[in-house]
Amino acid sequence: MKEKNRLKVMIYGEEYTIKGSADPTHIKKVANFVDQKMEQISHTNSFLSIKQIAVLVALNLADELLCLREDYDELIKILDGMHKRKKS
């Protein structure tokens, strides 16, 4: 079982303590990514509250994830088709 890492990160000017089994470098990378997304949205929509910015970031990231999953599933279907054609 992996040992839990505890790491302090800054996201949109707030300090958070993140605890997880992922590599600390990965945790920092994720936190920086979220911070950048929040900064991007806040610069284009300066009237939004922090909560609204966070929700928009979550929606954008969920959309990106779902699109990538759909692309992945489509690629798997293509590869399966190629594999089946190669076998016959």
PDB file of N, CA and C in Angstrom:
ATOM      1  N   MET A   1       0.841  -1.183   0.000  1.00  0.00           N
ATOM      2  CA  MET A   1       0.000   0.000   0.000  1.00  0.00           C
ATOM      3  C   MET A   1       0.885   1.245   0.000  1.00  0.00           C
ATOM      4  N   LYS A   2       0.544   2.186  -0.861  1.00  0.00           N
ATOM      5  CA  LYS A   2       1.338   3.407  -0.949  1.00  0.00           C
ATOM      6  C   LYS A   2       1.151   4.273   0.286  1.00  0.00           C
ATOM      7  N   GLU A   3       2.247   4.923   0.651  1.00  0.00           N
ATOM      8  CA  GLU A   3       2.195   5.861   1.770  1.00  0.00           C
ATOM      9  C   GLU A   3       1.531   7.150   1.303  1.00  0.00           C
ATOM     10  N   LYS A   4       0.736   7.749   2.182  1.00  0.00           N
ATOM     11  CA  LYS A   4       0.053   9.002   1.853  1.00  0.00           C
ATOM     12  C   LYS A   4       1.037  10.158   1.937  1.00  0.00           C
ATOM     13  N   ASN A   5       1.035  10.976   0.913  1.00  0.00           N
ATOM     14  CA  ASN A   5       1.847  12.189   0.901  1.00  0.00           C
ATOM     15  C   ASN A   5       0.982  13.352   1.355  1.00  0.00           C
ATOM     16  N   ARG A   6       1.573  14.263   2.094  1.00  0.00           N
ATOM     17  CA  ARG A   6       0.883  15.462   2.563  1.00  0.00           C
ATOM     18  C   ARG A   6       1.644  16.649   1.988  1.00  0.00           C
ATOM     19  N   LEU A   7       0.922  17.513   1.287  1.00  0.00           N
ATOM     20  CA  LEU A   7       1.574  18.595   0.575  1.00  0.00           C
ATOM     21  C   LEU A   7       0.724  19.852   0.647  1.00  0.00           C
ATOM     22  N   LYS A   8       1.370  20.986   0.879  1.00  0.00           N
ATOM     23  CA  LYS A   8       0.672  22.275   0.865  1.00  0.00           C
ATOM     24  C   LYS A   8       0.803  22.870  -0.530  1.00  0.00           C
ATOM     25  N   VAL A   9      -0.337  23.310  -1.074  1.00  0.00           N
ATOM     26  CA  VAL A   9      -0.359  23.923  -2.399  1.00  0.00           C
ATOM     27  C   VAL A   9      -1.174  25.212  -2.334  1.00  0.00           C
ATOM     28  N   MET A  10      -0.908  26.097  -3.294  1.00  0.00           N
ATOM     29  CA  MET A  10      -1.674  27.337  -3.407  1.00  0.00           C
ATOM     30  C   MET A  10      -2.550  27.249  -4.654  1.00  0.00           C
ATOM     31  N   ILE A  11      -3.836  27.495  -4.454  1.00  0.00           N
ATOM     32  CA  ILE A  11      -4.775  27.537  -5.568  1.00  0.00           C
ATOM     33  C   ILE A  11      -5.590  28.813  -5.428  1.00  0.00           C
ATOM     34  N   TYR A  12      -5.432  29.681  -6.398  1.00  0.00           N
ATOM     35  CA  TYR A  12      -6.154  30.951  -6.460  1.00  0.00           C
ATOM     36  C   TYR A  12      -6.006  31.755  -5.161  1.00  0.00           C
ATOM     37  N   GLY A  13      -4.766  31.785  -4.663  1.00  0.00           N
ATOM     38  CA  GLY A  13      -4.442  32.583  -3.489  1.00  0.00           C
ATOM     39  C   GLY A  13      -4.778  31.951  -2.154  1.00  0.00           C
ATOM     40  N   GLU A  14      -5.285  30.741  -2.164  1.00  0.00           N
ATOM     41  CA  GLU A  14      -5.628  30.026  -0.932  1.00  0.00           C
ATOM     42  C   GLU A  14      -4.700  28.832  -0.765  1.00  0.00           C
ATOM     43  N   GLU A  15      -4.275  28.594   0.468  1.00  0.00           N
ATOM     44  CA  GLU A  15      -3.418  27.441   0.741  1.00  0.00           C
ATOM     45  C   GLU A  15      -4.282  26.236   1.099  1.00  0.00           C
ATOM     46  N   TYR A  16      -3.970  25.113   0.490  1.00  0.00           N
ATOM     47  CA  TYR A  16      -4.667  23.854   0.750  1.00  0.00           C
ATOM     48  C   TYR A  16      -3.645  22.789   1.095  1.00  0.00           C
ATOM     49  N   THR A  17      -3.996  21.932   2.040  1.00  0.00           N
ATOM     50  CA  THR A  17      -3.172  20.773   2.344  1.00  0.00           C
ATOM     51  C   THR A  17      -3.804  19.581   1.641  1.00  0.00           C
ATOM     52  N   ILE A  18      -3.050  18.993   0.738  1.00  0.00           N
ATOM     53  CA  ILE A  18      -3.523  17.853  -0.048  1.00  0.00           C
ATOM     54  C   ILE A  18      -2.857  16.601   0.489  1.00  0.00           C
ATOM     55  N   LYS A  19      -3.663  15.589   0.711  1.00  0.00           N
ATOM     56  CA  LYS A  19      -3.140  14.314   1.192  1.00  0.00           C
ATOM     57  C   LYS A  19      -3.544  13.249   0.180  1.00  0.00           C
ATOM     58  N   GLY A  20      -2.551  12.521  -0.325  1.00  0.00           N
ATOM     59  CA  GLY A  20      -2.851  11.481  -1.300  1.00  0.00           C
ATOM     60  C   GLY A  20      -1.655  10.593  -1.548  1.00  0.00           C
ATOM     61  N   SER A  21      -1.898   9.515  -2.254  1.00  0.00           N
ATOM     62  CA  SER A  21      -0.831   8.548  -2.522  1.00  0.00           C
ATOM     63  C   SER A  21      -0.064   8.883  -3.801  1.00  0.00           C
ATOM     64  N   ALA A  22      -0.523   9.875  -4.534  1.00  0.00           N
ATOM     65  CA  ALA A  22       0.167  10.268  -5.768  1.00  0.00           C
ATOM     66  C   ALA A  22       1.511  10.914  -5.450  1.00  0.00           C
ATOM     67  N   ASP A  23       2.383  10.887  -6.429  1.00  0.00           N
ATOM     68  CA  ASP A  23       3.690  11.514  -6.314  1.00  0.00           C
ATOM     69  C   ASP A  23       3.510  13.012  -6.045  1.00  0.00           C
ATOM     70  N   PRO A  24       4.293  13.590  -5.120  1.00  0.00           N
ATOM     71  CA  PRO A  24       4.168  15.025  -4.824  1.00  0.00           C
ATOM     72  C   PRO A  24       4.300  15.919  -6.060  1.00  0.00           C
ATOM     73  N   THR A  25       5.132  15.530  -6.997  1.00  0.00           N
ATOM     74  CA  THR A  25       5.274  16.305  -8.231  1.00  0.00           C
ATOM     75  C   THR A  25       3.961  16.326  -9.008  1.00  0.00           C
ATOM     76  N   HIS A  26       3.287  15.200  -9.040  1.00  0.00           N
ATOM     77  CA  HIS A  26       1.995  15.114  -9.727  1.00  0.00           C
ATOM     78  C   HIS A  26       0.947  15.967  -9.010  1.00  0.00           C
ATOM     79  N   ILE A  27       0.931  15.912  -7.692  1.00  0.00           N
ATOM     80  CA  ILE A  27      -0.023  16.712  -6.908  1.00  0.00           C
ATOM     81  C   ILE A  27       0.188  18.196  -7.189  1.00  0.00           C
ATOM     82  N   LYS A  28       1.450  18.633  -7.206  1.00  0.00           N
ATOM     83  CA  LYS A  28       1.754  20.040  -7.511  1.00  0.00           C
ATOM     84  C   LYS A  28       1.301  20.404  -8.924  1.00  0.00           C
ATOM     85  N   LYS A  29       1.522  19.501  -9.850  1.00  0.00           N
ATOM     86  CA  LYS A  29       1.135  19.741 -11.241  1.00  0.00           C
ATOM     87  C   LYS A  29      -0.384  19.915 -11.358  1.00  0.00           C
ATOM     88  N   VAL A  30      -1.134  19.068 -10.671  1.00  0.00           N
ATOM     89  CA  VAL A  30      -2.596  19.156 -10.676  1.00  0.00           C
ATOM     90  C   VAL A  30      -3.052  20.472 -10.053  1.00  0.00           C
ATOM     91  N   ALA A  31      -2.472  20.820  -8.907  1.00  0.00           N
ATOM     92  CA  ALA A  31      -2.834  22.072  -8.232  1.00  0.00           C
ATOM     93  C   ALA A  31      -2.520  23.279  -9.110  1.00  0.00           C
ATOM     94  N   ASN A  32      -1.370  23.276  -9.760  1.00  0.00           N
ATOM     95  CA  ASN A  32      -1.001  24.374 -10.662  1.00  0.00           C
ATOM     96  C   ASN A  32      -1.959  24.465 -11.847  1.00  0.00           C
ATOM     97  N   PHE A  33      -2.374  23.326 -12.354  1.00  0.00           N
ATOM     98  CA  PHE A  33      -3.310  23.293 -13.472  1.00  0.00           C
ATOM     99  C   PHE A  33      -4.644  23.928 -13.077  1.00  0.00           C
ATOM    100  N   VAL A  34      -5.160  23.542 -11.911  1.00  0.00           N
ATOM    101  CA  VAL A  34      -6.422  24.106 -11.417  1.00  0.00           C
ATOM    102  C   VAL A  34      -6.264  25.603 -11.169  1.00  0.00           C
ATOM    103  N   ASP A  35      -5.142  25.996 -10.572  1.00  0.00           N
ATOM    104  CA  ASP A  35      -4.877  27.412 -10.314  1.00  0.00           C
ATOM    105  C   ASP A  35      -4.882  28.206 -11.623  1.00  0.00           C
ATOM    106  N   GLN A  36      -4.227  27.683 -12.642  1.00  0.00           N
ATOM    107  CA  GLN A  36      -4.183  28.364 -13.947  1.00  0.00           C
ATOM    108  C   GLN A  36      -5.575  28.491 -14.553  1.00  0.00           C
ATOM    109  N   LYS A  37      -6.372  27.445 -14.444  1.00  0.00           N
ATOM    110  CA  LYS A  37      -7.736  27.480 -14.979  1.00  0.00           C
ATOM    111  C   LYS A  37      -8.567  28.535 -14.254  1.00  0.00           C
ATOM    112  N   MET A  38      -8.408  28.619 -12.939  1.00  0.00           N
ATOM    113  CA  MET A  38      -9.151  29.619 -12.173  1.00  0.00           C
ATOM    114  C   MET A  38      -8.715  31.026 -12.560  1.00  0.00           C
ATOM    115  N   GLU A  39      -7.419  31.212 -12.753  1.00  0.00           N
ATOM    116  CA  GLU A  39      -6.904  32.526 -13.166  1.00  0.00           C
ATOM    117  C   GLU A  39      -7.448  32.904 -14.545  1.00  0.00           C
ATOM    118  N   GLN A  40      -7.467  31.952 -15.468  1.00  0.00           N
ATOM    119  CA  GLN A  40      -7.977  32.219 -16.818  1.00  0.00           C
ATOM    120  C   GLN A  40      -9.434  32.671 -16.780  1.00  0.00           C
ATOM    121  N   ILE A  41     -10.251  31.940 -16.038  1.00  0.00           N
ATOM    122  CA  ILE A  41     -11.673  32.281 -15.977  1.00  0.00           C
ATOM    123  C   ILE A  41     -11.880  33.614 -15.273  1.00  0.00           C
ATOM    124  N   SER A  42     -11.121  33.867 -14.208  1.00  0.00           N
ATOM    125  CA  SER A  42     -11.299  35.127 -13.478  1.00  0.00           C
ATOM    126  C   SER A  42     -10.897  36.330 -14.328  1.00  0.00           C
ATOM    127  N   HIS A  43      -9.922  36.156 -15.203  1.00  0.00           N
ATOM    128  CA  HIS A  43      -9.490  37.267 -16.061  1.00  0.00           C
ATOM    129  C   HIS A  43     -10.520  37.579 -17.151  1.00  0.00           C
ATOM    130  N   THR A  44     -11.231  36.567 -17.600  1.00  0.00           N
ATOM    131  CA  THR A  44     -12.236  36.813 -18.639  1.00  0.00           C
ATOM    132  C   THR A  44     -13.600  37.169 -18.052  1.00  0.00           C
ATOM    133  N   ASN A  45     -13.802  36.879 -16.766  1.00  0.00           N
ATOM    134  CA  ASN A  45     -15.077  37.152 -16.089  1.00  0.00           C
ATOM    135  C   ASN A  45     -14.800  37.745 -14.714  1.00  0.00           C
ATOM    136  N   SER A  46     -14.356  38.971 -14.657  1.00  0.00           N
ATOM    137  CA  SER A  46     -13.903  39.577 -13.396  1.00  0.00           C
ATOM    138  C   SER A  46     -15.023  39.810 -12.385  1.00  0.00           C
ATOM    139  N   PHE A  47     -16.265  39.702 -12.792  1.00  0.00           N
ATOM    140  CA  PHE A  47     -17.393  39.937 -11.896  1.00  0.00           C
ATOM    141  C   PHE A  47     -17.809  38.693 -11.114  1.00  0.00           C
ATOM    142  N   LEU A  48     -17.222  37.544 -11.401  1.00  0.00           N
ATOM    143  CA  LEU A  48     -17.617  36.288 -10.759  1.00  0.00           C
ATOM    144  C   LEU A  48     -17.017  36.139  -9.368  1.00  0.00           C
ATOM    145  N   SER A  49     -17.757  35.465  -8.489  1.00  0.00           N
ATOM    146  CA  SER A  49     -17.239  35.134  -7.158  1.00  0.00           C
ATOM    147  C   SER A  49     -16.276  33.953  -7.278  1.00  0.00           C
ATOM    148  N   ILE A  50     -15.524  33.713  -6.217  1.00  0.00           N
ATOM    149  CA  ILE A  50     -14.593  32.573  -6.210  1.00  0.00           C
ATOM    150  C   ILE A  50     -15.361  31.266  -6.395  1.00  0.00           C
ATOM    151  N   LYS A  51     -16.509  31.166  -5.744  1.00  0.00           N
ATOM    152  CA  LYS A  51     -17.324  29.955  -5.871  1.00  0.00           C
ATOM    153  C   LYS A  51     -17.770  29.753  -7.320  1.00  0.00           C
ATOM    154  N   GLN A  52     -18.204  30.817  -7.975  1.00  0.00           N
ATOM    155  CA  GLN A  52     -18.633  30.712  -9.368  1.00  0.00           C
ATOM    156  C   GLN A  52     -17.464  30.329 -10.273  1.00  0.00           C
ATOM    157  N   ILE A  53     -16.303  30.892 -10.001  1.00  0.00           N
ATOM    158  CA  ILE A  53     -15.107  30.548 -10.781  1.00  0.00           C
ATOM    159  C   ILE A  53     -14.791  29.068 -10.615  1.00  0.00           C
ATOM    160  N   ALA A  54     -14.844  28.590  -9.372  1.00  0.00           N
ATOM    161  CA  ALA A  54     -14.542  27.181  -9.101  1.00  0.00           C
ATOM    162  C   ALA A  54     -15.530  26.257  -9.813  1.00  0.00           C
ATOM    163  N   VAL A  55     -16.815  26.627  -9.808  1.00  0.00           N
ATOM    164  CA  VAL A  55     -17.819  25.801 -10.483  1.00  0.00           C
ATOM    165  C   VAL A  55     -17.581  25.796 -11.994  1.00  0.00           C
ATOM    166  N   LEU A  56     -17.258  26.951 -12.566  1.00  0.00           N
ATOM    167  CA  LEU A  56     -16.966  27.000 -14.004  1.00  0.00           C
ATOM    168  C   LEU A  56     -15.731  26.177 -14.357  1.00  0.00           C
ATOM    169  N   VAL A  57     -14.719  26.221 -13.510  1.00  0.00           N
ATOM    170  CA  VAL A  57     -13.531  25.388 -13.734  1.00  0.00           C
ATOM    171  C   VAL A  57     -13.923  23.918 -13.689  1.00  0.00           C
ATOM    172  N   ALA A  58     -14.723  23.535 -12.692  1.00  0.00           N
ATOM    173  CA  ALA A  58     -15.160  22.140 -12.584  1.00  0.00           C
ATOM    174  C   ALA A  58     -15.942  21.715 -13.826  1.00  0.00           C
ATOM    175  N   LEU A  59     -16.833  22.575 -14.305  1.00  0.00           N
ATOM    176  CA  LEU A  59     -17.605  22.257 -15.510  1.00  0.00           C
ATOM    177  C   LEU A  59     -16.707  22.125 -16.737  1.00  0.00           C
ATOM    178  N   ASN A  60     -15.767  23.041 -16.881  1.00  0.00           N
ATOM    179  CA  ASN A  60     -14.840  22.975 -18.020  1.00  0.00           C
ATOM    180  C   ASN A  60     -13.991  21.716 -17.979  1.00  0.00           C
ATOM    181  N   LEU A  61     -13.489  21.367 -16.793  1.00  0.00           N
ATOM    182  CA  LEU A  61     -12.663  20.165 -16.670  1.00  0.00           C
ATOM    183  C   LEU A  61     -13.486  18.899 -16.883  1.00  0.00           C
ATOM    184  N   ALA A  62     -14.732  18.879 -16.382  1.00  0.00           N
ATOM    185  CA  ALA A  62     -15.602  17.724 -16.601  1.00  0.00           C
ATOM    186  C   ALA A  62     -15.907  17.558 -18.087  1.00  0.00           C
ATOM    187  N   ASP A  63     -16.159  18.673 -18.772  1.00  0.00           N
ATOM    188  CA  ASP A  63     -16.404  18.628 -20.214  1.00  0.00           C
ATOM    189  C   ASP A  63     -15.188  18.071 -20.947  1.00  0.00           C
ATOM    190  N   GLU A  64     -14.024  18.566 -20.583  1.00  0.00           N
ATOM    191  CA  GLU A  64     -12.785  18.097 -21.212  1.00  0.00           C
ATOM    192  C   GLU A  64     -12.584  16.603 -20.970  1.00  0.00           C
ATOM    193  N   LEU A  65     -12.827  16.156 -19.743  1.00  0.00           N
ATOM    194  CA  LEU A  65     -12.679  14.745 -19.404  1.00  0.00           C
ATOM    195  C   LEU A  65     -13.647  13.882 -20.207  1.00  0.00           C
ATOM    196  N   LEU A  66     -14.909  14.294 -20.272  1.00  0.00           N
ATOM    197  CA  LEU A  66     -15.900  13.510 -21.008  1.00  0.00           C
ATOM    198  C   LEU A  66     -15.576  13.447 -22.496  1.00  0.00           C
ATOM    199  N   CYS A  67     -15.121  14.554 -23.064  1.00  0.00           N
ATOM    200  CA  CYS A  67     -14.717  14.550 -24.480  1.00  0.00           C
ATOM    201  C   CYS A  67     -13.539  13.610 -24.711  1.00  0.00           C
ATOM    202  N   LEU A  68     -12.567  13.635 -23.809  1.00  0.00           N
ATOM    203  CA  LEU A  68     -11.414  12.740 -23.938  1.00  0.00           C
ATOM    204  C   LEU A  68     -11.830  11.279 -23.805  1.00  0.00           C
ATOM    205  N   ARG A  69     -12.770  10.987 -22.901  1.00  0.00           N
ATOM    206  CA  ARG A  69     -13.268   9.617 -22.759  1.00  0.00           C
ATOM    207  C   ARG A  69     -13.964   9.154 -24.031  1.00  0.00           C
ATOM    208  N   GLU A  70     -14.769  10.049 -24.626  1.00  0.00           N
ATOM    209  CA  GLU A  70     -15.440   9.702 -25.882  1.00  0.00           C
ATOM    210  C   GLU A  70     -14.416   9.442 -26.982  1.00  0.00           C
ATOM    211  N   ASP A  71     -13.400  10.284 -27.071  1.00  0.00           N
ATOM    212  CA  ASP A  71     -12.335  10.086 -28.058  1.00  0.00           C
ATOM    213  C   ASP A  71     -11.620   8.762 -27.818  1.00  0.00           C
ATOM    214  N   TYR A  72     -11.344   8.457 -26.558  1.00  0.00           N
ATOM    215  CA  TYR A  72     -10.674   7.209 -26.192  1.00  0.00           C
ATOM    216  C   TYR A  72     -11.527   6.009 -26.620  1.00  0.00           C
ATOM    217  N   ASP A  73     -12.819   6.052 -26.286  1.00  0.00           N
ATOM    218  CA  ASP A  73     -13.712   4.950 -26.652  1.00  0.00           C
ATOM    219  C   ASP A  73     -13.761   4.761 -28.168  1.00  0.00           C
ATOM    220  N   GLU A  74     -13.786   5.865 -28.906  1.00  0.00           N
ATOM    221  CA  GLU A  74     -13.803   5.795 -30.371  1.00  0.00           C
ATOM    222  C   GLU A  74     -12.505   5.177 -30.899  1.00  0.00           C
ATOM    223  N   LEU A  75     -11.380   5.565 -30.321  1.00  0.00           N
ATOM    224  CA  LEU A  75     -10.095   4.989 -30.735  1.00  0.00           C
ATOM    225  C   LEU A  75     -10.026   3.496 -30.435  1.00  0.00           C
ATOM    226  N   ILE A  76     -10.566   3.087 -29.298  1.00  0.00           N
ATOM    227  CA  ILE A  76     -10.589   1.658 -28.952  1.00  0.00           C
ATOM    228  C   ILE A  76     -11.415   0.890 -29.981  1.00  0.00           C
ATOM    229  N   LYS A  77     -12.566   1.442 -30.381  1.00  0.00           N
ATOM    230  CA  LYS A  77     -13.395   0.786 -31.402  1.00  0.00           C
ATOM    231  C   LYS A  77     -12.633   0.658 -32.719  1.00  0.00           C
ATOM    232  N   ILE A  78     -11.940   1.714 -33.099  1.00  0.00           N
ATOM    233  CA  ILE A  78     -11.156   1.685 -34.342  1.00  0.00           C
ATOM    234  C   ILE A  78     -10.065   0.624 -34.252  1.00  0.00           C
ATOM    235  N   LEU A  79      -9.352   0.587 -33.130  1.00  0.00           N
ATOM    236  CA  LEU A  79      -8.287  -0.404 -32.950  1.00  0.00           C
ATOM    237  C   LEU A  79      -8.838  -1.819 -32.931  1.00  0.00           C
ATOM    238  N   ASP A  80      -9.986  -2.024 -32.274  1.00  0.00           N
ATOM    239  CA  ASP A  80     -10.610  -3.346 -32.262  1.00  0.00           C
ATOM    240  C   ASP A  80     -10.976  -3.779 -33.679  1.00  0.00           C
ATOM    241  N   GLY A  81     -11.522  -2.846 -34.462  1.00  0.00           N
ATOM    242  CA  GLY A  81     -11.871  -3.150 -35.850  1.00  0.00           C
ATOM    243  C   GLY A  81     -10.647  -3.508 -36.668  1.00  0.00           C
ATOM    244  N   MET A  82      -9.565  -2.768 -36.476  1.00  0.00           N
ATOM    245  CA  MET A  82      -8.322  -3.052 -37.195  1.00  0.00           C
ATOM    246  C   MET A  82      -7.772  -4.413 -36.792  1.00  0.00           C
ATOM    247  N   HIS A  83      -7.853  -4.722 -35.506  1.00  0.00           N
ATOM    248  CA  HIS A  83      -7.348  -5.997 -34.999  1.00  0.00           C
ATOM    249  C   HIS A  83      -8.169  -7.156 -35.575  1.00  0.00           C
ATOM    250  N   LYS A  84      -9.491  -6.996 -35.628  1.00  0.00           N
ATOM    251  CA  LYS A  84     -10.359  -8.049 -36.164  1.00  0.00           C
ATOM    252  C   LYS A  84     -10.104  -8.260 -37.654  1.00  0.00           C
ATOM    253  N   ARG A  85      -9.909  -7.165 -38.404  1.00  0.00           N
ATOM    254  CA  ARG A  85      -9.627  -7.284 -39.843  1.00  0.00           C
ATOM    255  C   ARG A  85      -8.281  -7.967 -40.079  1.00  0.00           C
ATOM    256  N   LYS A  86      -7.335  -7.680 -39.208  1.00  0.00           N
ATOM    257  CA  LYS A  86      -6.002  -8.268 -39.354  1.00  0.00           C
ATOM    258  C   LYS A  86      -6.046  -9.774 -39.095  1.00  0.00           C
ATOM    259  N   LYS A  87      -6.901 -10.204 -38.147  1.00  0.00           N
ATOM    260  CA  LYS A  87      -7.018 -11.620 -37.811  1.00  0.00           C
ATOM    261  C   LYS A  87      -7.670 -12.421 -38.936  1.00  0.00           C
ATOM    262  N   SER A  88      -8.585 -11.797 -39.674  1.00  0.00           N
ATOM    263  CA  SER A  88      -9.315 -12.559 -40.700  1.00  0.00           C
ATOM    264  C   SER A  88      -8.625 -12.592 -42.036  1.00  0.00           C
TER     265      SER A  88
END
